[in-house]
C-alpha atoms as a PDB file:
ATOM      1  CA  MET A   1      -4.808  -2.556  -4.030  1.00  0.00           C
ATOM      2  CA  ASP A   2      -2.422  -2.545  -1.046  1.00  0.00           C
ATOM      3  CA  ASP A   3      -4.115  -5.654   0.363  1.00  0.00           C
ATOM      4  CA  ASN A   4      -3.177  -7.572  -2.792  1.00  0.00           C
ATOM      5  CA  VAL A   5       0.524  -6.671  -2.626  1.00  0.00           C
ATOM      6  CA  GLU A   6       1.790  -8.843   0.192  1.00  0.00           C
ATOM      7  CA  ASN A   7       5.418  -9.515  -0.682  1.00  0.00           C
ATOM      8  CA  ILE A   8       8.275  -8.794  -3.060  1.00  0.00           C
ATOM      9  CA  GLU A   9       6.946 -11.263  -5.646  1.00  0.00           C
ATOM     10  CA  ASP A  10       3.608  -9.423  -5.765  1.00  0.00           C
ATOM     11  CA  ALA A  11       5.437  -6.084  -5.978  1.00  0.00           C
ATOM     12  CA  PHE A  12       7.608  -7.395  -8.819  1.00  0.00           C
ATOM     13  CA  CYS A  13       4.576  -8.622 -10.798  1.00  0.00           C
ATOM     14  CA  LEU A  14       2.709  -5.358 -10.239  1.00  0.00           C
ATOM     15  CA  LYS A  15       5.695  -3.290 -11.346  1.00  0.00           C
ATOM     16  CA  GLN A  16       6.132  -5.411 -14.475  1.00  0.00           C
ATOM     17  CA  ALA A  17       2.427  -5.126 -15.298  1.00  0.00           C
ATOM     18  CA  ILE A  18       2.462  -1.331 -15.003  1.00  0.00           C
ATOM     19  CA  GLU A  19       5.737  -0.762 -16.837  1.00  0.00           C
ATOM     20  CA  ASN A  20       4.975  -3.191 -19.669  1.00  0.00           C
ATOM     21  CA  ARG A  21       1.266  -2.351 -19.827  1.00  0.00           C
ATOM     22  CA  GLU A  22       0.359  -6.033 -19.962  1.00  0.00           C
ATOM     23  CA  ASN A  23      -1.096  -8.673 -17.668  1.00  0.00           C
ATOM     24  CA  TRP A  24       1.469 -10.063 -15.272  1.00  0.00           C
ATOM     25  CA  GLY A  25       0.887 -12.535 -12.448  1.00  0.00           C
ATOM     26  CA  SER A  26      -2.463 -11.834 -10.824  1.00  0.00           C
ATOM     27  CA  TYR A  27      -2.585  -8.264 -12.200  1.00  0.00           C
ATOM     28  CA  ASP A  28      -4.694  -7.500 -15.255  1.00  0.00           C
ATOM     29  CA  ILE A  29      -4.007  -4.308 -17.194  1.00  0.00           C
ATOM     30  CA  THR A  30      -6.339  -2.167 -19.265  1.00  0.00           C
ATOM     31  CA  THR A  31      -5.166   1.083 -20.829  1.00  0.00           C
ATOM     32  CA  LYS A  32      -6.793   4.157 -22.285  1.00  0.00           C
ATOM     33  CA  ASP A  33      -4.492   6.911 -23.506  1.00  0.00           C
ATOM     34  CA  ASP A  34      -2.030   7.537 -20.632  1.00  0.00           C
ATOM     35  CA  LYS A  35      -4.325   5.901 -18.056  1.00  0.00           C
ATOM     36  CA  ILE A  36      -3.621   2.444 -16.718  1.00  0.00           C
ATOM     37  CA  PHE A  37      -6.252   0.395 -14.902  1.00  0.00           C
ATOM     38  CA  VAL A  38      -4.790  -2.390 -12.759  1.00  0.00           C
ATOM     39  CA  THR A  39      -7.217  -5.066 -11.591  1.00  0.00           C
ATOM     40  CA  ALA A  40      -6.467  -7.705  -8.978  1.00  0.00           C
ATOM     41  CA  THR A  41      -9.209  -9.899  -7.542  1.00  0.00           C
ATOM     42  CA  ASP A  42     -12.112  -7.473  -7.024  1.00  0.00           C
ATOM     43  CA  GLU A  43     -10.184  -4.166  -6.870  1.00  0.00           C
ATOM     44  CA  THR A  44      -9.172  -1.794  -9.650  1.00  0.00           C
ATOM     45  CA  LEU A  45      -6.556   0.916  -9.351  1.00  0.00           C
ATOM     46  CA  MET A  46      -6.516   3.743 -11.885  1.00  0.00           C
ATOM     47  CA  LEU A  47      -3.222   5.491 -12.540  1.00  0.00           C
ATOM     48  CA  ALA A  48      -4.430   8.545 -14.446  1.00  0.00           C
ATOM     49  CA  SER A  49      -1.136   9.850 -15.819  1.00  0.00           C
ATOM     50  CA  ILE A  50       2.501   9.010 -16.409  1.00  0.00           C
ATOM     51  CA  LYS A  51       3.337  11.043 -13.276  1.00  0.00           C
ATOM     52  CA  ALA A  52       0.836   8.989 -11.235  1.00  0.00           C
ATOM     53  CA  GLN A  53       2.434   5.784 -12.517  1.00  0.00           C
ATOM     54  CA  GLU A  54       5.921   7.003 -11.611  1.00  0.00           C
ATOM     55  CA  THR A  55       4.762   8.070  -8.145  1.00  0.00           C
ATOM     56  CA  PHE A  56       3.031   4.743  -7.507  1.00  0.00           C
ATOM     57  CA  LEU A  57       6.088   2.761  -8.632  1.00  0.00           C
ATOM     58  CA  SER A  58       8.297   4.901  -6.394  1.00  0.00           C
ATOM     59  CA  MET A  59       6.044   4.157  -3.410  1.00  0.00           C
ATOM     60  CA  LEU A  60       6.103   0.459  -4.279  1.00  0.00           C
ATOM     61  CA  LYS A  61       9.908   0.526  -4.357  1.00  0.00           C
ATOM     62  CA  LYS A  62      10.127   2.260  -0.972  1.00  0.00           C
ATOM     63  CA  ARG A  63       7.810  -0.295   0.575  1.00  0.00           C
ATOM     64  CA  PHE A  64       9.236  -3.509  -0.881  1.00  0.00           C
ATOM     65  CA  ALA A  65      12.780  -3.069  -2.212  1.00  0.00           C
ATOM     66  CA  ASP A  66      15.737  -3.568   0.086  1.00  0.00           C
ATOM     67  CA  GLU A  67      17.810  -0.465   0.750  1.00  0.00           C
ATOM     68  CA  GLY A  68      20.036   0.361  -2.194  1.00  0.00           C
ATOM     69  CA  LEU A  69      18.261  -2.099  -4.513  1.00  0.00           C
ATOM     70  CA  ASP A  70      15.396  -1.832  -6.945  1.00  0.00           C
ATOM     71  CA  ILE A  71      12.407  -4.179  -6.939  1.00  0.00           C
ATOM     72  CA  GLU A  72      13.863  -6.464  -9.611  1.00  0.00           C
ATOM     73  CA  SER A  73      17.145  -6.931  -7.730  1.00  0.00           C
ATOM     74  CA  THR A  74      15.371  -7.513  -4.422  1.00  0.00           C
ATOM     75  CA  TYR A  75      13.027 -10.029  -6.046  1.00  0.00           C
ATOM     76  CA  GLU A  76      15.914 -11.895  -7.666  1.00  0.00           C
ATOM     77  CA  PHE A  77      17.900 -11.908  -4.405  1.00  0.00           C
ATOM     78  CA  TYR A  78      15.063 -13.529  -2.456  1.00  0.00           C
ATOM     79  CA  ARG A  79      14.270 -15.917  -5.306  1.00  0.00           C
ATOM     80  CA  GLN A  80      17.880 -17.132  -5.298  1.00  0.00           C
ATOM     81  CA  MET A  81      17.828 -17.441  -1.503  1.00  0.00           C
ATOM     82  CA  GLU A  82      14.792 -19.725  -1.742  1.00  0.00           C
ATOM     83  CA  LYS A  83      16.610 -21.926  -4.278  1.00  0.00           C
ATOM     84  CA  ASP A  84      19.488 -22.412  -1.845  1.00  0.00           C
ATOM     85  CA  ASP A  85      17.187 -23.769   0.888  1.00  0.00           C
END
């Protein structure tokens, strides 16, 4: 799944998909009980519990969010910067 998450926009879409338990961007979501299956292109990631989901989202934040910001704020910051160009 790491190969599919290339930038803050991908990270934002993935986070939204997991938190909202619905398809978002290029990420398709399937759920069963507390399990979430995230599919992107030809890979599927299973997050088997709420704790696994929280841990994955924390790792995503560490990798993509700017220091002191969450993924949403970082995404919005860069989106606004692109508008100014």
